[in-house]
Amino acid sequence: MAKAKPFVSDIENIRKRARQDIDKGAMTAGYKADRATVVRLLNHALATEIVCVLRYKYHYYMASGIHSQAIKEEFLQHANEEQGHADLLAERITQLDGKPNLSPEGLLARSHSDYVEGEDIVDMIKEDLVAERIAIDSYREMIDYVGTADPTTRRVLESILAMEEEHAEDMNTLLEQLGKKGEPAKPAPSTRAAGRKATARARR
């Protein structure tokens, strides 16, 4: 039976380095990843999450139809969770002695996913599903890049990835449920016209 490998660490040297580089905060000499690249990737992920928050919020306010209330609640929940992801990413960026890029200028260029409003509730769900699928692949690639060089960032990315996979499954389930309930993707033109006439009568 092989002997267990003992854990040996130069505690005195660790203490010395900690005091010397105290201005670097959480960044110690033991950090193995390319910090600048990791910060850049995290800022791209941050932009992606902000765009997702905005898209889900728009869908929450604009969704309408027979089954819209439950779907609106799903949109709002996802928007709040995406905001939570953005907060985690911004916090990790600052821990890496970087600056979270929250500027609206160039936001879409930094984001991996697009901001698509959708014409109706089915379009909205489809666009959210596409965005979640993009996020899933993006986070997987970032996790592969980070590897074991930055375990803290890796855990942050893995926790967000798990939630994005849940979001994608939620959107897929909503699409299936809408199909089963038979709600049309778009209201008929005559229905819209009738609605406008009714509104006009009510204002008289």
Protein backbone atom coordinates (compact mmCIF):
# COMPACT_ATOMS: atom_id res chain seq x y z
CA MET A 1 0.00 0.00 0.00
CA ALA A 2 1.46 3.36 -1.05
CA LYS A 3 2.20 5.84 1.70
CA ALA A 4 0.11 8.99 1.80
CA LYS A 5 2.00 12.00 0.49
CA PRO A 6 2.57 14.48 3.34
CA PHE A 7 1.49 18.09 2.93
CA VAL A 8 4.55 20.29 3.26
CA SER A 9 4.37 24.07 3.06
CA ASP A 10 6.79 26.86 3.87
CA ILE A 11 4.50 28.73 6.24
CA GLU A 12 7.12 31.33 7.13
CA ASN A 13 7.65 32.23 3.46
CA ILE A 14 3.88 32.43 2.86
CA ARG A 15 3.55 34.80 5.81
CA LYS A 16 6.42 36.95 4.51
CA ARG A 17 4.94 37.24 1.00
CA ALA A 18 1.50 38.04 2.41
CA ARG A 19 2.92 41.03 4.28
CA GLN A 20 5.07 42.23 1.39
CA ASP A 21 2.23 42.26 -1.18
CA ILE A 22 -0.61 43.30 1.12
CA ASP A 23 -1.72 45.97 -1.39
CA LYS A 24 -2.67 43.23 -3.88
CA GLY A 25 -5.60 42.01 -1.79
CA ALA A 26 -6.68 38.51 -2.82
CA MET A 27 -3.99 38.29 -5.52
CA THR A 28 -1.09 36.27 -4.13
CA ALA A 29 2.08 34.89 -5.71
CA GLY A 30 0.40 31.50 -5.89
CA TYR A 31 -2.09 32.65 -8.55
CA LYS A 32 -1.31 30.60 -11.67
CA ALA A 33 -3.68 31.91 -14.37
CA ASP A 34 -3.19 34.79 -16.81
CA ARG A 35 -4.98 37.41 -14.72
CA ALA A 36 -5.51 39.92 -17.55
CA THR A 37 -7.10 37.29 -19.79
CA VAL A 38 -9.32 35.95 -17.01
CA VAL A 39 -10.53 39.48 -16.20
CA ARG A 40 -11.26 40.09 -19.89
CA LEU A 41 -13.25 36.85 -20.16
CA LEU A 42 -15.18 37.66 -16.99
CA ASN A 43 -16.04 41.10 -18.35
CA HIS A 44 -17.41 39.48 -21.51
CA ALA A 45 -19.47 37.16 -19.32
CA LEU A 46 -20.61 40.18 -17.29
CA ALA A 47 -21.81 41.94 -20.45
CA THR A 48 -23.63 38.76 -21.51
CA GLU A 49 -25.46 38.58 -18.19
CA ILE A 50 -26.45 42.27 -18.31
CA VAL A 51 -27.88 41.83 -21.82
CA CYS A 52 -29.78 38.77 -20.60
CA VAL A 53 -31.22 40.77 -17.69
CA LEU A 54 -32.42 43.48 -20.08
CA ARG A 55 -33.92 40.97 -22.52
CA TYR A 56 -35.75 39.02 -19.80
CA LYS A 57 -37.03 42.26 -18.28
CA TYR A 58 -38.37 43.42 -21.64
CA HIS A 59 -40.06 40.06 -22.15
CA TYR A 60 -41.54 40.25 -18.65
CA TYR A 61 -43.20 43.60 -19.35
CA MET A 62 -44.25 42.84 -22.92
CA ALA A 63 -45.48 39.24 -22.70
CA SER A 64 -49.20 38.87 -23.32
CA GLY A 65 -51.63 36.10 -24.13
CA ILE A 66 -53.81 33.45 -22.53
CA HIS A 67 -50.98 31.82 -20.59
CA SER A 68 -48.76 34.86 -20.20
CA GLN A 69 -48.96 35.36 -16.43
CA ALA A 70 -47.05 32.20 -15.47
CA ILE A 71 -44.55 32.84 -18.26
CA LYS A 72 -44.08 36.46 -17.16
CA GLU A 73 -43.19 35.20 -13.68
CA GLU A 74 -40.63 32.85 -15.23
CA PHE A 75 -39.11 35.74 -17.20
CA LEU A 76 -38.87 37.86 -14.05
CA GLN A 77 -37.28 35.07 -12.03
CA HIS A 78 -34.69 34.51 -14.73
CA ALA A 79 -33.96 38.24 -14.95
CA ASN A 80 -33.29 38.33 -11.20
CA GLU A 81 -31.07 35.25 -11.36
CA GLU A 82 -29.09 36.67 -14.29
CA GLN A 83 -28.56 39.84 -12.23
CA GLY A 84 -27.22 37.63 -9.47
CA HIS A 85 -24.76 36.11 -11.96
CA ALA A 86 -23.65 39.60 -13.00
CA ASP A 87 -23.01 40.49 -9.36
CA LEU A 88 -20.91 37.34 -8.84
CA LEU A 89 -18.83 38.09 -11.92
CA ALA A 90 -18.30 41.75 -10.98
CA GLU A 91 -17.24 40.74 -7.49
CA ARG A 92 -14.74 38.18 -8.83
CA ILE A 93 -13.30 40.73 -11.27
CA THR A 94 -12.58 43.12 -8.40
CA GLN A 95 -11.03 40.28 -6.38
CA LEU A 96 -8.64 39.77 -9.31
CA ASP A 97 -7.67 43.45 -9.07
CA GLY A 98 -9.63 44.24 -12.23
CA LYS A 99 -12.44 46.67 -13.02
CA PRO A 100 -15.93 45.40 -13.94
CA ASN A 101 -16.92 47.00 -17.23
CA LEU A 102 -20.45 48.28 -16.64
CA SER A 103 -20.38 50.91 -19.36
CA PRO A 104 -23.38 50.76 -21.73
CA GLU A 105 -21.02 51.76 -24.54
CA GLY A 106 -20.00 48.62 -26.41
CA LEU A 107 -22.19 46.41 -24.22
CA LEU A 108 -23.58 44.36 -27.12
CA ALA A 109 -20.13 44.04 -28.68
CA ARG A 110 -18.79 42.52 -25.44
CA SER A 111 -21.81 40.28 -24.92
CA HIS A 112 -21.81 36.77 -26.36
CA SER A 113 -25.59 36.73 -26.70
CA ASP A 114 -27.81 39.11 -28.70
CA TYR A 115 -30.59 41.37 -27.53
CA VAL A 116 -33.66 40.27 -29.51
CA GLU A 117 -37.08 41.44 -28.38
CA GLY A 118 -39.25 38.95 -30.28
CA GLU A 119 -42.63 39.66 -31.86
CA ASP A 120 -44.77 37.55 -29.53
CA ILE A 121 -44.50 35.35 -26.48
CA VAL A 122 -43.33 32.30 -28.42
CA ASP A 123 -40.63 34.34 -30.16
CA MET A 124 -39.54 35.66 -26.77
CA ILE A 125 -39.15 32.18 -25.31
CA LYS A 126 -37.25 30.98 -28.38
CA GLU A 127 -34.85 33.93 -28.23
CA ASP A 128 -34.25 33.35 -24.53
CA LEU A 129 -33.56 29.67 -25.21
CA VAL A 130 -31.07 30.56 -27.96
CA ALA A 131 -29.34 33.02 -25.62
CA GLU A 132 -29.13 30.41 -22.85
CA ARG A 133 -27.61 27.88 -25.25
CA ILE A 134 -24.99 30.44 -26.28
CA ALA A 135 -24.22 31.18 -22.63
CA ILE A 136 -23.87 27.47 -21.85
CA ASP A 137 -21.24 26.93 -24.54
CA SER A 138 -19.45 30.17 -23.61
CA TYR A 139 -19.19 29.21 -19.94
CA ARG A 140 -18.00 25.72 -20.82
CA GLU A 141 -15.19 27.18 -22.93
CA MET A 142 -14.20 29.61 -20.16
CA ILE A 143 -14.16 26.80 -17.61
CA ASP A 144 -11.92 24.73 -19.91
CA TYR A 145 -9.59 27.70 -20.34
CA VAL A 146 -9.30 28.42 -16.62
CA GLY A 147 -8.77 24.73 -15.80
CA THR A 148 -7.06 24.27 -12.45
CA ALA A 149 -5.08 27.54 -12.63
CA ASP A 150 -7.82 29.56 -10.88
CA PRO A 151 -10.10 27.29 -8.83
CA THR A 152 -12.16 30.15 -7.37
CA THR A 153 -13.05 31.60 -10.77
CA ARG A 154 -13.73 28.09 -12.01
CA ARG A 155 -16.24 27.48 -9.21
CA VAL A 156 -17.98 30.80 -9.95
CA LEU A 157 -18.27 29.90 -13.64
CA GLU A 158 -19.44 26.35 -12.88
CA SER A 159 -22.18 27.60 -10.55
CA ILE A 160 -23.42 30.03 -13.22
CA LEU A 161 -23.24 27.33 -15.91
CA ALA A 162 -25.45 25.03 -13.83
CA MET A 163 -28.07 27.78 -13.52
CA GLU A 164 -27.92 28.59 -17.25
CA GLU A 165 -28.58 24.93 -18.02
CA GLU A 166 -31.65 25.09 -15.76
CA HIS A 167 -32.82 28.24 -17.55
CA ALA A 168 -32.47 26.55 -20.94
CA GLU A 169 -34.49 23.59 -19.72
CA ASP A 170 -37.15 25.96 -18.33
CA MET A 171 -37.50 27.72 -21.70
CA ASN A 172 -37.66 24.41 -23.55
CA THR A 173 -40.39 23.20 -21.19
CA LEU A 174 -42.38 26.40 -21.73
CA LEU A 175 -42.26 25.91 -25.49
CA GLU A 176 -43.53 22.37 -25.11
CA GLN A 177 -46.34 23.46 -22.79
CA LEU A 178 -47.47 26.21 -25.14
CA GLY A 179 -47.66 23.72 -27.96
CA LYS A 180 -49.78 21.36 -25.87
CA LYS A 181 -52.13 24.18 -24.82
CA GLY A 182 -52.50 25.31 -28.41
CA GLU A 183 -51.88 29.00 -27.87
CA PRO A 184 -51.20 30.63 -31.26
CA ALA A 185 -47.78 32.20 -31.77
CA LYS A 186 -49.37 35.43 -33.02
CA PRO A 187 -52.86 36.85 -32.53
CA ALA A 188 -54.98 36.89 -35.67
CA PRO A 189 -55.19 40.28 -37.45
CA SER A 190 -58.97 40.36 -36.95
CA THR A 191 -58.47 39.90 -33.22
CA ARG A 192 -56.05 42.80 -33.06
CA ALA A 193 -58.41 44.99 -35.10
CA ALA A 194 -61.32 44.08 -32.84
CA GLY A 195 -59.22 44.94 -29.81
CA ARG A 196 -58.38 48.36 -31.20
CA LYS A 197 -62.05 49.06 -31.96
CA ALA A 198 -63.06 48.04 -28.47
CA THR A 199 -60.41 50.32 -26.98
CA ALA A 200 -61.60 53.20 -29.17
CA ARG A 201 -65.22 52.66 -28.02
CA ALA A 202 -64.14 52.57 -24.39
CA ARG A 203 -62.38 55.95 -24.74
CA ARG A 204 -65.53 57.67 -26.10
